[in-house]
């Protein structure tokens, strides 16, 4: 499977998760849920941060933008902030050339570590699938039909 073929898979993952999270009772979005200290909001903001860092900063060389869970009171707030990031990510997945995907990135903190843009994108995707599963498990345990992203549809 190519990066471009992943586009329809990754395009809507955050928004499917947010639709599911909105079905939880009031207060569940920000209450500790997945561990003693992390809420669903914290995990979703973590996913958005990862996208901003991996795609926006590491690959596209944009500025790092600080994102804090406390800035997102509701799932709607999070969706409003995430939509432009995901649009940019989807566009890159669709348009990336073989030369762009093969470009080597040097880790800014550990210069002896290098990786291709394509590997960074796969890392981003597997990270998102991991946390989507984490959130879906919590939803399922609370009686909500979980969203499970699938590569084969």
Foldseek 3Di string as FASTA:
>chain_A
DALQLCLVLQLCLLVQLLVLVVPDPPPQQQDDFLDNHDGVLNLSQVLLQLLCCLVVPQQVNHDRDDDDSVVDPGSVSVCVVRNVSSVVVSVCSNPPDPVSQQDKTQDPVHRVDIDGNVVSVVVSVVSSQVSLVSSQVRSVVVVTRRDHGDSPD
